[in-house]
């Protein structure tokens, strides 16, 4: 009897060969490529966005299979900009989770130093991402690739996950080109209204350091408040004061005590 895992692996191989030969991949092909990642997210992302890294570490065959498929996939210029952006968002998030699983039980991804030619680098600087046989770093994807695909769209920063307690949480599904705009809106809405990451009142806001780090795109206080008001359940006055909250780099694990304490305040 043919095992389902064997059938799925052969299907992924066929899909990646199709894409790597330069053939135009339709949305169904790309959807099937990202299906293992989509399935992992649906099964492992909890309602509050936390992950059980211990479970993922014990059952990481599916994640490794997805990463193998990405190694055989060459992104095509013929893809729509939305398809390309969704692809790279999935790549970034899958490799971030992979690195957390690979070094588990690590307390913070920021503690990891990866040995590379010339010394040790952080997980964001090390060329650990393999797509189409080429090596990339997470920073290259964030700072070079995605800005070209989603120019002047700061929502992309709220779609990138860094496995930290204060990080934007993972969307419990893979990104896809046809749904990307709605998915980015959903991510922004969820992050902005997450009381463990942002505290909003009409007169004053205390917001995630993510908005401070990327102020060049979120803008000054007035522009940031306008962005928040696109998604906030609590309207914020244009004259509201803005403060930035400390960032907790602790792993966003299922039983993370810091998040649990904030949730029960």
C-alpha atoms as a PDB file:
ATOM      1  CA  UNK A   1       0.000   0.000   0.000  1.00  0.00           C
ATOM      2  CA  UNK A   2       1.363   3.431  -0.980  1.00  0.00           C
ATOM      3  CA  UNK A   3       1.790   5.690   2.056  1.00  0.00           C
ATOM      4  CA  UNK A   4       0.135   9.165   1.926  1.00  0.00           C
ATOM      5  CA  UNK A   5       3.443  10.787   2.918  1.00  0.00           C
ATOM      6  CA  UNK A   6       5.131   9.221  -0.126  1.00  0.00           C
ATOM      7  CA  UNK A   7       2.346  10.451  -2.428  1.00  0.00           C
ATOM      8  CA  UNK A   8       2.581  13.949  -0.990  1.00  0.00           C
ATOM      9  CA  UNK A   9       6.376  14.047  -1.319  1.00  0.00           C
ATOM     10  CA  UNK A  10       6.143  12.972  -4.960  1.00  0.00           C
ATOM     11  CA  UNK A  11       3.524  15.665  -5.629  1.00  0.00           C
ATOM     12  CA  UNK A  12       5.775  18.321  -4.088  1.00  0.00           C
ATOM     13  CA  UNK A  13       8.691  17.090  -6.194  1.00  0.00           C
ATOM     14  CA  UNK A  14       6.584  17.377  -9.357  1.00  0.00           C
ATOM     15  CA  UNK A  15       5.429  20.880  -8.408  1.00  0.00           C
ATOM     16  CA  UNK A  16       8.916  22.151  -7.668  1.00  0.00           C
ATOM     17  CA  UNK A  17      10.243  20.666 -10.898  1.00  0.00           C
ATOM     18  CA  UNK A  18       7.445  22.422 -12.767  1.00  0.00           C
ATOM     19  CA  UNK A  19       8.314  25.755 -11.184  1.00  0.00           C
ATOM     20  CA  UNK A  20      12.102  25.359 -11.506  1.00  0.00           C
ATOM     21  CA  UNK A  21      11.854  24.693 -15.247  1.00  0.00           C
ATOM     22  CA  UNK A  22      10.402  28.171 -15.687  1.00  0.00           C
ATOM     23  CA  UNK A  23       6.898  27.022 -16.515  1.00  0.00           C
ATOM     24  CA  UNK A  24       4.226  29.500 -15.462  1.00  0.00           C
ATOM     25  CA  UNK A  25       2.744  28.282 -12.187  1.00  0.00           C
ATOM     26  CA  UNK A  26      -0.912  29.053 -11.646  1.00  0.00           C
ATOM     27  CA  UNK A  27      -2.337  29.816  -8.217  1.00  0.00           C
ATOM     28  CA  UNK A  28      -3.372  26.196  -7.695  1.00  0.00           C
ATOM     29  CA  UNK A  29       0.243  25.093  -8.183  1.00  0.00           C
ATOM     30  CA  UNK A  30       1.542  27.642  -5.666  1.00  0.00           C
ATOM     31  CA  UNK A  31      -1.241  26.776  -3.250  1.00  0.00           C
ATOM     32  CA  UNK A  32      -0.203  23.118  -3.377  1.00  0.00           C
ATOM     33  CA  UNK A  33       3.439  24.107  -2.875  1.00  0.00           C
ATOM     34  CA  UNK A  34       2.567  25.949   0.358  1.00  0.00           C
ATOM     35  CA  UNK A  35      -0.013  23.379   1.527  1.00  0.00           C
ATOM     36  CA  UNK A  36       2.334  21.613   4.011  1.00  0.00           C
ATOM     37  CA  UNK A  37       3.125  24.959   5.660  1.00  0.00           C
ATOM     38  CA  UNK A  38      -0.563  25.905   5.652  1.00  0.00           C
ATOM     39  CA  UNK A  39      -1.411  22.596   7.316  1.00  0.00           C
ATOM     40  CA  UNK A  40       1.280  23.051   9.980  1.00  0.00           C
ATOM     41  CA  UNK A  41       0.007  26.534  10.801  1.00  0.00           C
ATOM     42  CA  UNK A  42      -3.611  25.409  11.047  1.00  0.00           C
ATOM     43  CA  UNK A  43      -2.649  22.597  13.437  1.00  0.00           C
ATOM     44  CA  UNK A  44      -0.046  24.339  15.573  1.00  0.00           C
ATOM     45  CA  UNK A  45      -0.847  28.058  15.913  1.00  0.00           C
ATOM     46  CA  UNK A  46      -2.981  28.582  18.988  1.00  0.00           C
ATOM     47  CA  UNK A  47      -5.718  31.208  19.234  1.00  0.00           C
ATOM     48  CA  UNK A  48      -3.339  33.640  20.937  1.00  0.00           C
ATOM     49  CA  UNK A  49      -0.582  32.946  18.380  1.00  0.00           C
ATOM     50  CA  UNK A  50       1.688  30.838  20.570  1.00  0.00           C
ATOM     51  CA  UNK A  51       3.340  27.649  19.327  1.00  0.00           C
ATOM     52  CA  UNK A  52       4.302  24.353  20.900  1.00  0.00           C
ATOM     53  CA  UNK A  53       7.903  24.119  19.771  1.00  0.00           C
ATOM     54  CA  UNK A  54       8.359  20.861  21.664  1.00  0.00           C
ATOM     55  CA  UNK A  55       5.654  19.227  19.527  1.00  0.00           C
ATOM     56  CA  UNK A  56       7.075  20.730  16.354  1.00  0.00           C
ATOM     57  CA  UNK A  57      10.548  19.473  17.262  1.00  0.00           C
ATOM     58  CA  UNK A  58       9.218  15.927  17.762  1.00  0.00           C
ATOM     59  CA  UNK A  59       7.255  15.941  14.491  1.00  0.00           C
ATOM     60  CA  UNK A  60       9.299  18.132  12.155  1.00  0.00           C
ATOM     61  CA  UNK A  61       9.195  15.893   9.054  1.00  0.00           C
ATOM     62  CA  UNK A  62       6.506  18.005   7.423  1.00  0.00           C
ATOM     63  CA  UNK A  63       8.353  21.279   8.032  1.00  0.00           C
ATOM     64  CA  UNK A  64      11.591  19.804   6.701  1.00  0.00           C
ATOM     65  CA  UNK A  65       9.738  18.497   3.657  1.00  0.00           C
ATOM     66  CA  UNK A  66       8.379  21.973   2.959  1.00  0.00           C
ATOM     67  CA  UNK A  67      11.847  23.503   3.279  1.00  0.00           C
ATOM     68  CA  UNK A  68      13.194  20.859   0.886  1.00  0.00           C
ATOM     69  CA  UNK A  69      10.513  21.877  -1.617  1.00  0.00           C
ATOM     70  CA  UNK A  70      11.562  25.538  -1.258  1.00  0.00           C
ATOM     71  CA  UNK A  71      15.172  24.548  -1.960  1.00  0.00           C
ATOM     72  CA  UNK A  72      14.027  23.126  -5.299  1.00  0.00           C
ATOM     73  CA  UNK A  73      11.799  26.111  -6.144  1.00  0.00           C
ATOM     74  CA  UNK A  74      13.057  29.042  -8.176  1.00  0.00           C
ATOM     75  CA  UNK A  75      10.755  32.077  -7.915  1.00  0.00           C
ATOM     76  CA  UNK A  76       9.651  33.224 -11.346  1.00  0.00           C
ATOM     77  CA  UNK A  77       9.418  36.768 -12.692  1.00  0.00           C
ATOM     78  CA  UNK A  78       6.205  35.658 -14.418  1.00  0.00           C
ATOM     79  CA  UNK A  79       4.500  35.303 -11.031  1.00  0.00           C
ATOM     80  CA  UNK A  80       2.358  38.237  -9.989  1.00  0.00           C
ATOM     81  CA  UNK A  81       3.851  40.609  -7.447  1.00  0.00           C
ATOM     82  CA  UNK A  82       1.297  39.340  -4.910  1.00  0.00           C
ATOM     83  CA  UNK A  83       2.321  35.715  -5.534  1.00  0.00           C
ATOM     84  CA  UNK A  84       5.978  36.598  -5.117  1.00  0.00           C
ATOM     85  CA  UNK A  85       5.348  38.547  -1.906  1.00  0.00           C
ATOM     86  CA  UNK A  86       3.237  35.733  -0.431  1.00  0.00           C
ATOM     87  CA  UNK A  87       5.970  33.246  -1.347  1.00  0.00           C
ATOM     88  CA  UNK A  88       8.698  35.205   0.462  1.00  0.00           C
ATOM     89  CA  UNK A  89       6.540  35.901   3.510  1.00  0.00           C
ATOM     90  CA  UNK A  90       5.972  32.149   3.820  1.00  0.00           C
ATOM     91  CA  UNK A  91       9.691  31.482   3.348  1.00  0.00           C
ATOM     92  CA  UNK A  92      10.669  33.964   6.063  1.00  0.00           C
ATOM     93  CA  UNK A  93       8.185  32.657   8.618  1.00  0.00           C
ATOM     94  CA  UNK A  94       8.836  28.965   7.902  1.00  0.00           C
ATOM     95  CA  UNK A  95      12.586  29.385   8.303  1.00  0.00           C
ATOM     96  CA  UNK A  96      12.137  31.384  11.506  1.00  0.00           C
ATOM     97  CA  UNK A  97      10.069  28.553  12.988  1.00  0.00           C
ATOM     98  CA  UNK A  98      12.587  26.025  11.648  1.00  0.00           C
ATOM     99  CA  UNK A  99      15.468  27.804  13.389  1.00  0.00           C
ATOM    100  CA  UNK A 100      13.548  27.914  16.676  1.00  0.00           C
ATOM    101  CA  UNK A 101      12.854  24.177  16.340  1.00  0.00           C
ATOM    102  CA  UNK A 102      16.437  23.419  15.269  1.00  0.00           C
ATOM    103  CA  UNK A 103      17.906  25.066  18.384  1.00  0.00           C
ATOM    104  CA  UNK A 104      15.114  24.139  20.780  1.00  0.00           C
ATOM    105  CA  UNK A 105      15.000  24.470  23.770  1.00  0.00           C
ATOM    106  CA  UNK A 106      16.434  27.936  23.163  1.00  0.00           C
ATOM    107  CA  UNK A 107      14.961  30.750  25.257  1.00  0.00           C
ATOM    108  CA  UNK A 108      15.372  33.483  22.632  1.00  0.00           C
ATOM    109  CA  UNK A 109      16.237  33.408  18.967  1.00  0.00           C
ATOM    110  CA  UNK A 110      18.394  36.461  19.667  1.00  0.00           C
ATOM    111  CA  UNK A 111      20.634  34.183  21.783  1.00  0.00           C
ATOM    112  CA  UNK A 112      21.501  31.943  18.821  1.00  0.00           C
ATOM    113  CA  UNK A 113      24.818  32.406  17.045  1.00  0.00           C
ATOM    114  CA  UNK A 114      25.195  30.502  13.778  1.00  0.00           C
ATOM    115  CA  UNK A 115      28.685  29.446  12.708  1.00  0.00           C
ATOM    116  CA  UNK A 116      29.454  30.755   9.221  1.00  0.00           C
ATOM    117  CA  UNK A 117      32.520  31.418   7.107  1.00  0.00           C
ATOM    118  CA  UNK A 118      34.343  34.220   8.858  1.00  0.00           C
ATOM    119  CA  UNK A 119      32.788  33.773  12.287  1.00  0.00           C
ATOM    120  CA  UNK A 120      29.416  33.634  14.030  1.00  0.00           C
ATOM    121  CA  UNK A 121      26.298  35.542  13.012  1.00  0.00           C
ATOM    122  CA  UNK A 122      22.827  36.051  14.392  1.00  0.00           C
ATOM    123  CA  UNK A 123      19.970  33.968  12.958  1.00  0.00           C
ATOM    124  CA  UNK A 124      18.854  37.064  11.033  1.00  0.00           C
ATOM    125  CA  UNK A 125      22.244  37.681   9.442  1.00  0.00           C
ATOM    126  CA  UNK A 126      23.350  34.107   8.733  1.00  0.00           C
ATOM    127  CA  UNK A 127      22.614  32.824   5.184  1.00  0.00           C
ATOM    128  CA  UNK A 128      20.465  29.951   6.492  1.00  0.00           C
ATOM    129  CA  UNK A 129      17.601  30.287   4.002  1.00  0.00           C
ATOM    130  CA  UNK A 130      17.853  28.151   0.852  1.00  0.00           C
ATOM    131  CA  UNK A 131      15.486  28.994  -1.990  1.00  0.00           C
ATOM    132  CA  UNK A 132      16.066  27.593  -5.445  1.00  0.00           C
ATOM    133  CA  UNK A 133      19.571  26.532  -4.435  1.00  0.00           C
ATOM    134  CA  UNK A 134      20.571  30.091  -3.436  1.00  0.00           C
ATOM    135  CA  UNK A 135      21.374  31.163   0.111  1.00  0.00           C
ATOM    136  CA  UNK A 136      19.688  34.135   1.756  1.00  0.00           C
ATOM    137  CA  UNK A 137      19.531  35.606   5.228  1.00  0.00           C
ATOM    138  CA  UNK A 138      16.284  36.557   6.941  1.00  0.00           C
ATOM    139  CA  UNK A 139      17.459  40.176   6.884  1.00  0.00           C
ATOM    140  CA  UNK A 140      17.917  40.031   3.102  1.00  0.00           C
ATOM    141  CA  UNK A 141      14.317  38.903   2.703  1.00  0.00           C
ATOM    142  CA  UNK A 142      13.008  41.610   5.045  1.00  0.00           C
ATOM    143  CA  UNK A 143      15.184  44.496   3.877  1.00  0.00           C
ATOM    144  CA  UNK A 144      15.849  43.810   0.198  1.00  0.00           C
ATOM    145  CA  UNK A 145      13.306  41.423  -1.334  1.00  0.00           C
ATOM    146  CA  UNK A 146      10.015  42.327   0.352  1.00  0.00           C
ATOM    147  CA  UNK A 147      10.422  46.133   0.014  1.00  0.00           C
ATOM    148  CA  UNK A 148      10.638  45.659  -3.766  1.00  0.00           C
ATOM    149  CA  UNK A 149       7.479  43.554  -3.806  1.00  0.00           C
ATOM    150  CA  UNK A 150       5.456  45.517  -1.229  1.00  0.00           C
ATOM    151  CA  UNK A 151       6.852  49.059  -1.543  1.00  0.00           C
ATOM    152  CA  UNK A 152       5.552  51.592   0.968  1.00  0.00           C
ATOM    153  CA  UNK A 153       3.359  48.949   2.583  1.00  0.00           C
ATOM    154  CA  UNK A 154       4.280  48.773   6.286  1.00  0.00           C
ATOM    155  CA  UNK A 155       1.761  45.985   6.836  1.00  0.00           C
ATOM    156  CA  UNK A 156       4.513  43.597   5.756  1.00  0.00           C
ATOM    157  CA  UNK A 157       6.316  44.172   9.066  1.00  0.00           C
ATOM    158  CA  UNK A 158       3.246  42.869  10.908  1.00  0.00           C
ATOM    159  CA  UNK A 159       3.281  39.711   8.765  1.00  0.00           C
ATOM    160  CA  UNK A 160       6.872  38.763   9.627  1.00  0.00           C
ATOM    161  CA  UNK A 161       7.261  36.491  12.623  1.00  0.00           C
ATOM    162  CA  UNK A 162      10.431  36.304  14.738  1.00  0.00           C
ATOM    163  CA  UNK A 163       9.335  33.626  17.255  1.00  0.00           C
ATOM    164  CA  UNK A 164       9.292  36.125  20.132  1.00  0.00           C
ATOM    165  CA  UNK A 165       6.651  36.839  22.754  1.00  0.00           C
ATOM    166  CA  UNK A 166       6.268  40.418  21.471  1.00  0.00           C
ATOM    167  CA  UNK A 167       6.458  39.460  17.789  1.00  0.00           C
ATOM    168  CA  UNK A 168       3.503  39.733  15.441  1.00  0.00           C
ATOM    169  CA  UNK A 169       1.905  36.320  15.706  1.00  0.00           C
ATOM    170  CA  UNK A 170       1.687  33.873  12.846  1.00  0.00           C
ATOM    171  CA  UNK A 171      -1.417  33.952  10.711  1.00  0.00           C
ATOM    172  CA  UNK A 172      -2.906  30.447  11.108  1.00  0.00           C
ATOM    173  CA  UNK A 173      -2.676  29.868   7.352  1.00  0.00           C
ATOM    174  CA  UNK A 174      -0.114  30.277   4.592  1.00  0.00           C
ATOM    175  CA  UNK A 175      -0.034  33.529   2.670  1.00  0.00           C
ATOM    176  CA  UNK A 176      -1.352  33.339  -0.893  1.00  0.00           C
ATOM    177  CA  UNK A 177      -1.232  35.860  -3.715  1.00  0.00           C
ATOM    178  CA  UNK A 178      -4.977  36.151  -4.409  1.00  0.00           C
ATOM    179  CA  UNK A 179      -5.754  36.664  -0.702  1.00  0.00           C
ATOM    180  CA  UNK A 180      -2.671  38.633   0.271  1.00  0.00           C
ATOM    181  CA  UNK A 181      -4.253  42.072   0.700  1.00  0.00           C
ATOM    182  CA  UNK A 182      -7.017  40.680   2.920  1.00  0.00           C
ATOM    183  CA  UNK A 183      -4.482  38.604   4.872  1.00  0.00           C
ATOM    184  CA  UNK A 184      -2.240  41.620   5.482  1.00  0.00           C
ATOM    185  CA  UNK A 185      -5.261  43.566   6.702  1.00  0.00           C
ATOM    186  CA  UNK A 186      -6.222  40.687   9.008  1.00  0.00           C
ATOM    187  CA  UNK A 187      -2.686  40.583  10.416  1.00  0.00           C
ATOM    188  CA  UNK A 188      -2.624  44.337  11.000  1.00  0.00           C
ATOM    189  CA  UNK A 189      -6.048  44.290  12.651  1.00  0.00           C
ATOM    190  CA  UNK A 190      -5.117  41.448  14.957  1.00  0.00           C
ATOM    191  CA  UNK A 191      -1.768  42.952  15.931  1.00  0.00           C
ATOM    192  CA  UNK A 192      -3.033  46.500  16.506  1.00  0.00           C
ATOM    193  CA  UNK A 193      -5.855  45.282  18.756  1.00  0.00           C
ATOM    194  CA  UNK A 194      -3.731  42.776  20.695  1.00  0.00           C
ATOM    195  CA  UNK A 195      -3.642  44.194  24.237  1.00  0.00           C
ATOM    196  CA  UNK A 196      -0.514  42.187  25.070  1.00  0.00           C
ATOM    197  CA  UNK A 197       1.360  44.115  22.370  1.00  0.00           C
ATOM    198  CA  UNK A 198      -0.383  47.508  22.140  1.00  0.00           C
ATOM    199  CA  UNK A 199      -2.370  49.597  24.646  1.00  0.00           C
ATOM    200  CA  UNK A 200      -4.725  52.015  22.912  1.00  0.00           C
ATOM    201  CA  UNK A 201      -6.853  54.770  24.434  1.00  0.00           C
ATOM    202  CA  UNK A 202      -8.288  57.861  22.704  1.00  0.00           C
ATOM    203  CA  UNK A 203      -5.767  60.196  24.347  1.00  0.00           C
ATOM    204  CA  UNK A 204      -2.622  58.075  24.521  1.00  0.00           C
ATOM    205  CA  UNK A 205      -1.156  54.913  23.035  1.00  0.00           C
ATOM    206  CA  UNK A 206       1.618  52.596  24.122  1.00  0.00           C
ATOM    207  CA  UNK A 207       2.598  50.564  21.106  1.00  0.00           C
ATOM    208  CA  UNK A 208       5.021  47.845  20.070  1.00  0.00           C
ATOM    209  CA  UNK A 209       8.649  48.683  19.361  1.00  0.00           C
ATOM    210  CA  UNK A 210       8.005  47.276  15.869  1.00  0.00           C
ATOM    211  CA  UNK A 211       6.407  50.632  15.001  1.00  0.00           C
ATOM    212  CA  UNK A 212       9.491  52.462  16.298  1.00  0.00           C
ATOM    213  CA  UNK A 213      12.002  50.248  14.464  1.00  0.00           C
ATOM    214  CA  UNK A 214      10.209  50.869  11.173  1.00  0.00           C
ATOM    215  CA  UNK A 215       9.261  54.506  11.728  1.00  0.00           C
ATOM    216  CA  UNK A 216      10.625  55.367   8.280  1.00  0.00           C
ATOM    217  CA  UNK A 217       7.552  53.634   6.807  1.00  0.00           C
ATOM    218  CA  UNK A 218       4.985  53.962   9.593  1.00  0.00           C
ATOM    219  CA  UNK A 219       5.818  57.660   9.800  1.00  0.00           C
ATOM    220  CA  UNK A 220       5.734  60.233  12.583  1.00  0.00           C
ATOM    221  CA  UNK A 221       3.219  60.156  15.436  1.00  0.00           C
ATOM    222  CA  UNK A 222       0.388  61.619  13.337  1.00  0.00           C
ATOM    223  CA  UNK A 223       0.884  59.109  10.501  1.00  0.00           C
ATOM    224  CA  UNK A 224       1.239  56.235  12.945  1.00  0.00           C
ATOM    225  CA  UNK A 225      -2.018  57.171  14.669  1.00  0.00           C
ATOM    226  CA  UNK A 226      -3.717  57.324  11.257  1.00  0.00           C
ATOM    227  CA  UNK A 227      -2.400  53.813  10.531  1.00  0.00           C
ATOM    228  CA  UNK A 228      -3.627  52.540  13.895  1.00  0.00           C
ATOM    229  CA  UNK A 229      -7.068  54.021  13.283  1.00  0.00           C
ATOM    230  CA  UNK A 230      -7.430  52.005  10.085  1.00  0.00           C
ATOM    231  CA  UNK A 231      -7.611  48.895  12.277  1.00  0.00           C
ATOM    232  CA  UNK A 232      -8.172  49.937  15.905  1.00  0.00           C
ATOM    233  CA  UNK A 233     -11.358  48.954  17.702  1.00  0.00           C
ATOM    234  CA  UNK A 234     -10.728  51.921  20.018  1.00  0.00           C
ATOM    235  CA  UNK A 235     -10.493  55.153  17.989  1.00  0.00           C
ATOM    236  CA  UNK A 236      -7.379  57.168  18.765  1.00  0.00           C
ATOM    237  CA  UNK A 237      -7.385  60.973  18.657  1.00  0.00           C
ATOM    238  CA  UNK A 238      -4.997  62.556  16.130  1.00  0.00           C
ATOM    239  CA  UNK A 239      -3.356  64.430  19.033  1.00  0.00           C
ATOM    240  CA  UNK A 240      -2.780  61.279  21.126  1.00  0.00           C
ATOM    241  CA  UNK A 241       0.641  60.843  22.706  1.00  0.00           C
ATOM    242  CA  UNK A 242       2.700  57.875  21.514  1.00  0.00           C
ATOM    243  CA  UNK A 243       5.051  55.766  23.617  1.00  0.00           C
ATOM    244  CA  UNK A 244       6.854  52.553  22.661  1.00  0.00           C
ATOM    245  CA  UNK A 245       6.760  49.422  24.797  1.00  0.00           C
ATOM    246  CA  UNK A 246       9.820  47.256  25.567  1.00  0.00           C
ATOM    247  CA  UNK A 247      10.154  44.225  23.302  1.00  0.00           C
ATOM    248  CA  UNK A 248      10.135  40.753  24.864  1.00  0.00           C
ATOM    249  CA  UNK A 249      12.423  38.454  22.864  1.00  0.00           C
ATOM    250  CA  UNK A 250      11.469  35.331  24.861  1.00  0.00           C
ATOM    251  CA  UNK A 251      10.309  32.435  22.703  1.00  0.00           C
ATOM    252  CA  UNK A 252       6.548  32.607  22.060  1.00  0.00           C
ATOM    253  CA  UNK A 253       6.097  29.131  23.429  1.00  0.00           C
ATOM    254  CA  UNK A 254       2.740  27.644  24.391  1.00  0.00           C
ATOM    255  CA  UNK A 255       3.393  27.988  28.110  1.00  0.00           C
ATOM    256  CA  UNK A 256       5.332  31.255  27.976  1.00  0.00           C
ATOM    257  CA  UNK A 257       4.855  32.754  31.475  1.00  0.00           C
ATOM    258  CA  UNK A 258       5.231  36.385  30.436  1.00  0.00           C
ATOM    259  CA  UNK A 259       2.362  36.205  27.974  1.00  0.00           C
ATOM    260  CA  UNK A 260       0.231  34.235  30.444  1.00  0.00           C
ATOM    261  CA  UNK A 261       0.765  36.899  33.104  1.00  0.00           C
ATOM    262  CA  UNK A 262      -0.225  39.677  30.689  1.00  0.00           C
ATOM    263  CA  UNK A 263      -3.334  37.792  29.584  1.00  0.00           C
ATOM    264  CA  UNK A 264      -4.564  37.515  33.177  1.00  0.00           C
ATOM    265  CA  UNK A 265      -3.965  41.090  34.248  1.00  0.00           C
END
